[in-house]
């Protein structure tokens, strides 16, 4: 998945501001969870996935369309990193009445990716 944007704060903002497609945000999250697509066999390799993702989701889940994997993603963010969007980026959230479950799920992926980035530094 070499077509993915770099994992940095600009990319996190692009997720929050809907400048990246849902497909790209899913692919980015899958990549950092450890899912790899094998072009030769046209199958997903999940041998490097984090925690117990490969057991629950042998193929990467669509976080935008499905709530359960998003809940699992939320729970996998370390407690000390739960507020990183606000603390590190100054993200104030979406305005009441202007956000949908899709926005919430994108924010969850942004939060998880920022936590991943924070732990990688």
N, C-alpha and C. Protein backbone atom coordinates (compact mmCIF):
# COMPACT_ATOMS: atom_id res chain seq x y z
N UNK A 1 0.84 -1.20 0.00
CA UNK A 1 0.00 0.00 0.00
C UNK A 1 0.88 1.25 0.00
N UNK A 2 1.67 1.34 -1.02
CA UNK A 2 2.60 2.45 -1.09
C UNK A 2 1.91 3.77 -1.46
N UNK A 3 0.63 3.70 -1.79
CA UNK A 3 -0.10 4.91 -2.15
C UNK A 3 -0.66 5.63 -0.92
N UNK A 4 -0.31 5.17 0.27
CA UNK A 4 -0.82 5.78 1.49
C UNK A 4 -0.06 7.06 1.83
N UNK A 5 -0.76 8.01 2.42
CA UNK A 5 -0.08 9.23 2.86
C UNK A 5 0.81 8.89 4.07
N UNK A 6 1.81 9.73 4.34
CA UNK A 6 2.66 9.47 5.51
C UNK A 6 1.86 9.64 6.79
N UNK A 7 2.27 8.92 7.82
CA UNK A 7 1.60 9.07 9.10
C UNK A 7 2.24 10.22 9.86
N UNK A 8 1.54 11.35 9.84
CA UNK A 8 2.00 12.55 10.54
C UNK A 8 0.76 13.37 10.92
N UNK A 9 0.99 14.47 11.61
CA UNK A 9 -0.15 15.27 12.08
C UNK A 9 -0.94 15.89 10.91
N UNK A 10 -0.28 16.17 9.80
CA UNK A 10 -1.02 16.69 8.64
C UNK A 10 -2.03 15.65 8.14
N UNK A 11 -1.62 14.40 8.13
CA UNK A 11 -2.52 13.32 7.71
C UNK A 11 -3.67 13.16 8.70
N UNK A 12 -3.38 13.27 9.99
CA UNK A 12 -4.43 13.17 11.01
C UNK A 12 -5.46 14.28 10.79
N UNK A 13 -4.98 15.50 10.55
CA UNK A 13 -5.90 16.61 10.27
C UNK A 13 -6.71 16.35 9.00
N UNK A 14 -6.06 15.77 7.99
CA UNK A 14 -6.76 15.48 6.73
C UNK A 14 -7.88 14.47 6.96
N UNK A 15 -7.67 13.54 7.89
CA UNK A 15 -8.74 12.58 8.24
C UNK A 15 -9.89 13.33 8.90
N UNK A 16 -9.57 14.15 9.88
CA UNK A 16 -10.59 14.88 10.63
C UNK A 16 -11.36 15.86 9.75
N UNK A 17 -10.66 16.47 8.80
CA UNK A 17 -11.28 17.47 7.91
C UNK A 17 -11.87 16.85 6.64
N UNK A 18 -11.92 15.53 6.60
CA UNK A 18 -12.49 14.80 5.47
C UNK A 18 -11.81 15.11 4.14
N UNK A 19 -10.52 15.33 4.20
CA UNK A 19 -9.74 15.57 2.98
C UNK A 19 -9.21 14.27 2.37
N UNK A 20 -9.32 13.18 3.13
CA UNK A 20 -8.94 11.85 2.63
C UNK A 20 -10.21 11.02 2.52
N UNK A 21 -10.25 10.15 1.53
CA UNK A 21 -11.43 9.29 1.35
C UNK A 21 -11.53 8.29 2.50
N UNK A 22 -12.75 7.80 2.71
CA UNK A 22 -12.96 6.77 3.71
C UNK A 22 -12.09 5.55 3.41
N UNK A 23 -11.97 5.21 2.14
CA UNK A 23 -11.15 4.06 1.74
C UNK A 23 -9.69 4.26 2.16
N UNK A 24 -9.16 5.44 1.93
CA UNK A 24 -7.77 5.72 2.30
C UNK A 24 -7.58 5.66 3.81
N UNK A 25 -8.55 6.19 4.56
CA UNK A 25 -8.45 6.18 6.03
C UNK A 25 -8.52 4.74 6.54
N UNK A 26 -9.39 3.93 5.96
CA UNK A 26 -9.44 2.52 6.33
C UNK A 26 -8.09 1.85 6.03
N UNK A 27 -7.57 2.05 4.82
CA UNK A 27 -6.30 1.42 4.42
C UNK A 27 -5.15 1.84 5.33
N UNK A 28 -5.13 3.09 5.69
CA UNK A 28 -4.08 3.59 6.58
C UNK A 28 -4.17 2.90 7.95
N UNK A 29 -5.37 2.79 8.46
CA UNK A 29 -5.57 2.12 9.76
C UNK A 29 -5.21 0.65 9.65
N UNK A 30 -5.65 -0.01 8.58
CA UNK A 30 -5.30 -1.42 8.39
C UNK A 30 -3.79 -1.62 8.37
N UNK A 31 -3.11 -0.73 7.64
CA UNK A 31 -1.66 -0.85 7.50
C UNK A 31 -0.97 -0.81 8.87
N UNK A 32 -1.37 0.15 9.70
CA UNK A 32 -0.70 0.29 11.00
C UNK A 32 -1.19 -0.75 12.03
N UNK A 33 -2.31 -1.39 11.74
CA UNK A 33 -2.72 -2.52 12.56
C UNK A 33 -1.94 -3.78 12.19
N UNK A 34 -1.32 -3.76 11.00
CA UNK A 34 -0.49 -4.88 10.57
C UNK A 34 -1.06 -5.73 9.45
N UNK A 35 -2.19 -5.35 8.88
CA UNK A 35 -2.75 -6.09 7.75
C UNK A 35 -1.96 -5.76 6.49
N UNK A 36 -1.67 -6.82 5.69
CA UNK A 36 -0.97 -6.63 4.42
C UNK A 36 -1.70 -7.42 3.34
N UNK A 37 -1.90 -6.77 2.19
CA UNK A 37 -2.57 -7.44 1.09
C UNK A 37 -1.52 -8.05 0.18
N UNK A 38 -1.67 -9.34 -0.11
CA UNK A 38 -0.76 -10.06 -0.99
C UNK A 38 -1.34 -10.02 -2.39
N UNK A 39 -0.71 -9.23 -3.26
CA UNK A 39 -1.21 -9.08 -4.63
C UNK A 39 -1.19 -10.39 -5.40
N UNK A 40 -0.18 -11.22 -5.15
CA UNK A 40 -0.04 -12.47 -5.89
C UNK A 40 -1.22 -13.41 -5.61
N UNK A 41 -1.56 -13.58 -4.34
CA UNK A 41 -2.65 -14.50 -3.99
C UNK A 41 -4.00 -13.81 -3.85
N UNK A 42 -3.98 -12.48 -3.90
CA UNK A 42 -5.20 -11.67 -3.73
C UNK A 42 -5.89 -11.97 -2.40
N UNK A 43 -5.08 -12.15 -1.36
CA UNK A 43 -5.59 -12.41 -0.02
C UNK A 43 -4.90 -11.50 0.98
N UNK A 44 -5.53 -11.38 2.15
CA UNK A 44 -4.96 -10.58 3.23
C UNK A 44 -4.08 -11.45 4.11
N UNK A 45 -2.93 -10.92 4.45
CA UNK A 45 -2.04 -11.56 5.41
C UNK A 45 -2.20 -10.80 6.71
N UNK A 46 -2.60 -11.50 7.75
CA UNK A 46 -2.82 -10.83 9.04
C UNK A 46 -1.83 -11.31 10.11
N UNK A 47 -0.73 -11.93 9.68
CA UNK A 47 0.22 -12.50 10.65
C UNK A 47 0.92 -11.44 11.48
N UNK A 48 0.92 -10.20 11.03
CA UNK A 48 1.59 -9.14 11.78
C UNK A 48 0.61 -8.20 12.49
N UNK A 49 -0.67 -8.60 12.54
CA UNK A 49 -1.64 -7.70 13.16
C UNK A 49 -1.41 -7.57 14.66
N UNK A 50 -1.81 -6.43 15.18
CA UNK A 50 -1.64 -6.12 16.59
C UNK A 50 -2.69 -6.85 17.43
N UNK A 51 -2.31 -7.13 18.67
CA UNK A 51 -3.22 -7.73 19.66
C UNK A 51 -3.94 -8.95 19.08
N UNK A 52 -5.22 -9.01 19.26
CA UNK A 52 -5.99 -10.16 18.78
C UNK A 52 -6.85 -9.82 17.56
N UNK A 53 -6.41 -8.87 16.77
CA UNK A 53 -7.18 -8.46 15.60
C UNK A 53 -7.38 -9.60 14.62
N UNK A 54 -6.35 -10.41 14.40
CA UNK A 54 -6.47 -11.47 13.39
C UNK A 54 -7.50 -12.53 13.79
N UNK A 55 -7.69 -12.73 15.09
CA UNK A 55 -8.69 -13.69 15.54
C UNK A 55 -10.11 -13.17 15.27
N UNK A 56 -10.35 -11.96 15.67
CA UNK A 56 -11.69 -11.36 15.54
C UNK A 56 -11.97 -10.94 14.09
N UNK A 57 -10.94 -10.42 13.43
CA UNK A 57 -11.09 -9.92 12.06
C UNK A 57 -9.97 -10.48 11.17
N UNK A 58 -10.17 -11.68 10.62
CA UNK A 58 -9.15 -12.28 9.75
C UNK A 58 -8.83 -11.39 8.55
N UNK A 59 -9.84 -10.67 8.07
CA UNK A 59 -9.64 -9.67 7.02
C UNK A 59 -9.92 -8.31 7.66
N UNK A 60 -9.26 -7.28 7.18
CA UNK A 60 -9.44 -5.97 7.83
C UNK A 60 -10.88 -5.48 7.76
N UNK A 61 -11.39 -4.98 8.87
CA UNK A 61 -12.78 -4.52 8.91
C UNK A 61 -12.95 -3.12 8.32
N UNK A 62 -14.13 -2.85 7.83
CA UNK A 62 -14.46 -1.51 7.36
C UNK A 62 -14.90 -0.71 8.59
N UNK A 63 -14.02 0.14 9.08
CA UNK A 63 -14.30 0.91 10.29
C UNK A 63 -15.40 1.95 10.09
N UNK A 64 -15.55 2.43 8.88
CA UNK A 64 -16.56 3.45 8.60
C UNK A 64 -17.97 2.85 8.65
N UNK A 65 -18.13 1.66 8.11
CA UNK A 65 -19.45 1.04 8.00
C UNK A 65 -19.86 0.21 9.20
N UNK A 66 -18.92 -0.18 10.04
CA UNK A 66 -19.21 -1.11 11.11
C UNK A 66 -18.76 -0.59 12.47
N UNK A 67 -19.68 -0.52 13.38
CA UNK A 67 -19.38 0.00 14.72
C UNK A 67 -18.51 -0.92 15.57
N UNK A 68 -18.75 -2.26 15.61
CA UNK A 68 -17.96 -3.10 16.52
C UNK A 68 -16.44 -2.99 16.36
N UNK A 69 -15.90 -2.99 15.13
CA UNK A 69 -14.44 -2.86 15.07
C UNK A 69 -13.96 -1.48 15.52
N UNK A 70 -14.80 -0.48 15.36
CA UNK A 70 -14.42 0.86 15.82
C UNK A 70 -14.39 0.92 17.34
N UNK A 71 -15.31 0.21 17.97
CA UNK A 71 -15.31 0.13 19.44
C UNK A 71 -14.02 -0.57 19.90
N UNK A 72 -13.65 -1.65 19.22
CA UNK A 72 -12.41 -2.37 19.55
C UNK A 72 -11.20 -1.46 19.37
N UNK A 73 -11.22 -0.66 18.31
CA UNK A 73 -10.12 0.27 18.06
C UNK A 73 -10.03 1.30 19.19
N UNK A 74 -11.17 1.84 19.61
CA UNK A 74 -11.21 2.80 20.71
C UNK A 74 -10.62 2.19 21.98
N UNK A 75 -11.03 0.97 22.27
CA UNK A 75 -10.55 0.31 23.49
C UNK A 75 -9.07 0.00 23.45
N UNK A 76 -8.49 -0.07 22.26
CA UNK A 76 -7.07 -0.39 22.15
C UNK A 76 -6.17 0.84 22.29
N UNK A 77 -6.77 2.03 22.38
CA UNK A 77 -5.97 3.24 22.59
C UNK A 77 -5.59 3.31 24.06
N UNK A 78 -4.29 3.39 24.38
CA UNK A 78 -3.89 3.48 25.79
C UNK A 78 -4.54 4.69 26.47
N UNK A 79 -4.91 4.50 27.72
CA UNK A 79 -5.61 5.54 28.48
C UNK A 79 -4.90 6.89 28.40
N UNK A 80 -3.57 6.86 28.51
CA UNK A 80 -2.81 8.11 28.50
C UNK A 80 -2.84 8.81 27.14
N UNK A 81 -3.32 8.12 26.10
CA UNK A 81 -3.37 8.71 24.76
C UNK A 81 -4.79 9.06 24.31
N UNK A 82 -5.77 8.84 25.15
CA UNK A 82 -7.17 9.04 24.76
C UNK A 82 -7.49 10.49 24.37
N UNK A 83 -6.78 11.45 24.94
CA UNK A 83 -7.08 12.86 24.68
C UNK A 83 -6.07 13.53 23.75
N UNK A 84 -5.28 12.74 23.03
CA UNK A 84 -4.23 13.31 22.18
C UNK A 84 -4.75 14.26 21.11
N UNK A 85 -5.92 13.95 20.53
CA UNK A 85 -6.44 14.85 19.49
C UNK A 85 -6.62 16.25 20.06
N UNK A 86 -7.12 16.32 21.27
CA UNK A 86 -7.34 17.62 21.91
C UNK A 86 -6.03 18.21 22.41
N UNK A 87 -5.24 17.40 23.11
CA UNK A 87 -4.02 17.90 23.76
C UNK A 87 -2.91 18.23 22.77
N UNK A 88 -2.70 17.37 21.78
CA UNK A 88 -1.58 17.57 20.85
C UNK A 88 -1.97 18.40 19.63
N UNK A 89 -3.20 18.21 19.14
CA UNK A 89 -3.61 18.91 17.92
C UNK A 89 -4.56 20.08 18.17
N UNK A 90 -5.12 20.15 19.37
CA UNK A 90 -6.08 21.20 19.65
C UNK A 90 -7.43 20.97 18.99
N UNK A 91 -7.72 19.71 18.62
CA UNK A 91 -8.99 19.38 17.99
C UNK A 91 -10.12 19.56 18.99
N UNK A 92 -11.10 20.35 18.63
CA UNK A 92 -12.20 20.67 19.54
C UNK A 92 -13.41 19.77 19.34
N UNK A 93 -13.32 18.85 18.39
CA UNK A 93 -14.44 17.97 18.11
C UNK A 93 -15.35 18.57 17.05
N UNK A 94 -16.39 17.85 16.76
CA UNK A 94 -17.36 18.31 15.78
C UNK A 94 -18.50 19.02 16.49
N UNK A 95 -19.14 19.94 15.79
CA UNK A 95 -20.26 20.69 16.40
C UNK A 95 -21.50 19.81 16.50
N UNK A 96 -22.18 19.97 17.61
CA UNK A 96 -23.41 19.24 17.85
C UNK A 96 -24.38 19.47 16.70
N UNK A 97 -24.94 18.41 16.21
CA UNK A 97 -25.88 18.51 15.10
C UNK A 97 -25.22 18.46 13.74
N UNK A 98 -23.90 18.58 13.70
CA UNK A 98 -23.18 18.57 12.42
C UNK A 98 -22.36 17.32 12.22
N UNK A 99 -22.41 16.41 13.17
CA UNK A 99 -21.61 15.20 13.00
C UNK A 99 -22.50 13.97 12.94
N UNK A 100 -21.96 12.95 12.32
CA UNK A 100 -22.68 11.69 12.11
C UNK A 100 -21.82 10.55 12.66
N UNK A 101 -22.36 9.33 12.70
CA UNK A 101 -21.52 8.21 13.12
C UNK A 101 -20.25 8.09 12.27
N UNK A 102 -20.35 8.44 11.01
CA UNK A 102 -19.18 8.41 10.12
C UNK A 102 -18.09 9.35 10.64
N UNK A 103 -18.46 10.55 11.04
CA UNK A 103 -17.49 11.50 11.59
C UNK A 103 -16.85 10.94 12.86
N UNK A 104 -17.67 10.36 13.71
CA UNK A 104 -17.17 9.78 14.96
C UNK A 104 -16.18 8.67 14.67
N UNK A 105 -16.48 7.83 13.71
CA UNK A 105 -15.60 6.71 13.38
C UNK A 105 -14.30 7.20 12.76
N UNK A 106 -14.37 8.25 11.94
CA UNK A 106 -13.14 8.82 11.39
C UNK A 106 -12.30 9.43 12.51
N UNK A 107 -12.95 10.08 13.46
CA UNK A 107 -12.22 10.67 14.59
C UNK A 107 -11.58 9.56 15.43
N UNK A 108 -12.26 8.45 15.58
CA UNK A 108 -11.68 7.32 16.31
C UNK A 108 -10.44 6.81 15.61
N UNK A 109 -10.50 6.66 14.30
CA UNK A 109 -9.33 6.20 13.55
C UNK A 109 -8.20 7.22 13.65
N UNK A 110 -8.53 8.51 13.56
CA UNK A 110 -7.52 9.56 13.71
C UNK A 110 -6.87 9.48 15.09
N UNK A 111 -7.69 9.27 16.10
CA UNK A 111 -7.18 9.17 17.47
C UNK A 111 -6.27 7.96 17.63
N UNK A 112 -6.67 6.83 17.08
CA UNK A 112 -5.85 5.62 17.17
C UNK A 112 -4.53 5.82 16.44
N UNK A 113 -4.60 6.38 15.23
CA UNK A 113 -3.38 6.62 14.46
C UNK A 113 -2.45 7.61 15.15
N UNK A 114 -3.01 8.64 15.76
CA UNK A 114 -2.18 9.60 16.50
C UNK A 114 -1.54 8.92 17.71
N UNK A 115 -2.27 8.06 18.36
CA UNK A 115 -1.71 7.29 19.48
C UNK A 115 -0.58 6.39 18.98
N UNK A 116 -0.78 5.74 17.86
CA UNK A 116 0.26 4.89 17.26
C UNK A 116 1.50 5.72 16.97
N UNK A 117 1.29 6.88 16.37
CA UNK A 117 2.38 7.79 16.03
C UNK A 117 3.12 8.24 17.29
N UNK A 118 2.38 8.57 18.32
CA UNK A 118 2.95 9.02 19.60
C UNK A 118 3.83 7.92 20.21
N UNK A 119 3.37 6.69 20.13
CA UNK A 119 4.12 5.57 20.71
C UNK A 119 5.33 5.21 19.87
N UNK A 120 5.29 5.55 18.57
CA UNK A 120 6.41 5.24 17.67
C UNK A 120 7.55 6.24 17.84
N UNK A 121 7.24 7.40 18.37
CA UNK A 121 8.28 8.46 18.48
C UNK A 121 9.21 8.20 19.64
